[in-house]
N, C-alpha and C. Protein backbone atom coordinates (compact mmCIF):
# COMPACT_ATOMS: atom_id res chain seq x y z
N MET A 1 112.91 110.16 138.65
CA MET A 1 113.69 110.79 139.69
C MET A 1 115.15 110.71 139.33
N LYS A 2 115.89 111.69 139.71
CA LYS A 2 117.30 111.78 139.34
C LYS A 2 118.18 111.79 140.58
N ASP A 3 119.27 111.04 140.49
CA ASP A 3 120.26 111.11 141.56
C ASP A 3 121.41 112.01 141.10
N TYR A 4 122.21 112.47 142.03
CA TYR A 4 123.30 113.39 141.73
C TYR A 4 124.63 112.68 141.93
N LYS A 5 125.37 112.52 140.83
CA LYS A 5 126.64 111.80 140.85
C LYS A 5 127.69 112.60 141.60
N ILE A 6 128.35 111.94 142.56
CA ILE A 6 129.44 112.56 143.30
C ILE A 6 130.77 112.11 142.72
N LEU A 7 130.89 110.81 142.46
CA LEU A 7 132.13 110.24 141.94
C LEU A 7 131.81 109.00 141.14
N GLU A 8 132.49 108.82 140.00
CA GLU A 8 132.32 107.61 139.20
C GLU A 8 133.65 107.21 138.60
N THR A 9 134.08 105.99 138.91
CA THR A 9 135.31 105.46 138.34
C THR A 9 135.08 104.00 137.98
N GLY A 10 135.25 103.67 136.73
CA GLY A 10 135.08 102.29 136.29
C GLY A 10 133.69 101.76 136.58
N ASN A 11 133.62 100.74 137.43
CA ASN A 11 132.35 100.10 137.75
C ASN A 11 131.72 100.62 139.04
N ILE A 12 132.32 101.62 139.67
CA ILE A 12 131.85 102.13 140.95
C ILE A 12 131.32 103.54 140.79
N ARG A 13 130.16 103.77 141.40
CA ARG A 13 129.56 105.11 141.36
C ARG A 13 129.04 105.47 142.75
N ILE A 14 129.35 106.67 143.20
CA ILE A 14 128.83 107.20 144.45
C ILE A 14 127.92 108.36 144.11
N SER A 15 126.71 108.31 144.65
CA SER A 15 125.74 109.36 144.32
C SER A 15 124.86 109.70 145.51
N PHE A 16 124.19 110.84 145.39
CA PHE A 16 123.23 111.31 146.38
C PHE A 16 121.85 111.25 145.75
N ALA A 17 120.91 110.60 146.43
CA ALA A 17 119.54 110.49 145.93
C ALA A 17 118.59 110.79 147.08
N TRP A 18 117.92 111.91 147.02
CA TRP A 18 117.06 112.35 148.12
C TRP A 18 115.92 111.38 148.40
N TYR A 19 115.55 110.56 147.42
CA TYR A 19 114.43 109.64 147.57
C TYR A 19 114.84 108.27 148.13
N ASP A 20 116.14 107.99 148.26
CA ASP A 20 116.63 106.71 148.80
C ASP A 20 116.90 106.85 150.30
N ILE A 21 115.83 106.74 151.08
CA ILE A 21 115.96 106.88 152.53
C ILE A 21 115.95 105.48 153.14
N TRP A 22 117.06 104.76 152.97
CA TRP A 22 117.19 103.43 153.50
C TRP A 22 118.65 103.14 153.81
N ILE A 23 118.90 102.12 154.62
CA ILE A 23 120.25 101.67 154.94
C ILE A 23 120.29 100.18 154.66
N GLY A 24 121.31 99.74 153.92
CA GLY A 24 121.43 98.32 153.65
C GLY A 24 122.07 98.02 152.32
N ILE A 25 121.88 96.79 151.87
CA ILE A 25 122.48 96.28 150.63
C ILE A 25 121.37 95.67 149.78
N TYR A 26 121.40 95.96 148.48
CA TYR A 26 120.44 95.39 147.54
C TYR A 26 121.20 94.86 146.34
N ILE A 27 120.94 93.62 145.95
CA ILE A 27 121.58 93.00 144.80
C ILE A 27 120.55 92.89 143.69
N ASP A 28 120.84 93.51 142.55
CA ASP A 28 119.98 93.41 141.37
C ASP A 28 120.66 92.42 140.41
N LYS A 29 120.26 91.16 140.48
CA LYS A 29 120.90 90.12 139.69
C LYS A 29 120.65 90.29 138.21
N GLU A 30 119.48 90.78 137.84
CA GLU A 30 119.14 90.95 136.43
C GLU A 30 120.03 91.99 135.75
N LYS A 31 120.25 93.12 136.42
CA LYS A 31 121.09 94.19 135.87
C LYS A 31 122.55 94.07 136.28
N ARG A 32 122.86 93.06 137.14
CA ARG A 32 124.22 92.81 137.63
C ARG A 32 124.80 94.03 138.33
N LYS A 33 124.04 94.55 139.31
CA LYS A 33 124.48 95.71 140.08
C LYS A 33 124.27 95.45 141.57
N LEU A 34 125.21 95.94 142.37
CA LEU A 34 125.13 95.86 143.82
C LEU A 34 124.97 97.27 144.34
N TYR A 35 123.92 97.51 145.12
CA TYR A 35 123.66 98.82 145.70
C TYR A 35 123.92 98.75 147.20
N ILE A 36 124.76 99.65 147.69
CA ILE A 36 125.05 99.73 149.11
C ILE A 36 124.70 101.14 149.57
N CYS A 37 123.89 101.21 150.61
CA CYS A 37 123.48 102.50 151.15
C CYS A 37 123.89 102.56 152.62
N PRO A 38 125.13 103.05 152.91
CA PRO A 38 125.62 103.05 154.29
C PRO A 38 124.94 104.09 155.18
N ILE A 39 124.53 105.18 154.59
CA ILE A 39 123.76 106.20 155.31
C ILE A 39 122.61 106.63 154.39
N PRO A 40 121.48 107.05 154.95
CA PRO A 40 120.35 107.43 154.10
C PRO A 40 120.74 108.46 153.04
N MET A 41 120.29 108.23 151.83
CA MET A 41 120.45 109.11 150.66
C MET A 41 121.84 109.10 150.04
N MET A 42 122.80 108.35 150.59
CA MET A 42 124.14 108.23 150.00
C MET A 42 124.27 106.83 149.44
N LEU A 43 124.40 106.71 148.13
CA LEU A 43 124.32 105.42 147.45
C LEU A 43 125.64 105.07 146.76
N LEU A 44 126.08 103.85 146.97
CA LEU A 44 127.26 103.29 146.31
C LEU A 44 126.76 102.18 145.40
N ARG A 45 127.04 102.30 144.09
CA ARG A 45 126.59 101.29 143.12
C ARG A 45 127.82 100.64 142.49
N ILE A 46 127.83 99.32 142.47
CA ILE A 46 128.94 98.57 141.88
C ILE A 46 128.38 97.65 140.82
N LYS A 47 128.88 97.78 139.58
CA LYS A 47 128.50 96.87 138.51
C LYS A 47 129.46 95.68 138.55
N TYR A 48 128.89 94.48 138.40
CA TYR A 48 129.74 93.27 138.40
C TYR A 48 129.45 92.40 137.22
């Protein structure tokens, strides 16, 4: 499945993913990424 990039600068990416129908925060410690979904299908990813 593919998401559609809206904006990407440095370690931050904002994208639209029709299959991400959730609200909340997910921390992927293995890949060192923080996923924030403030509204369904709108995803903010931060690499740390």
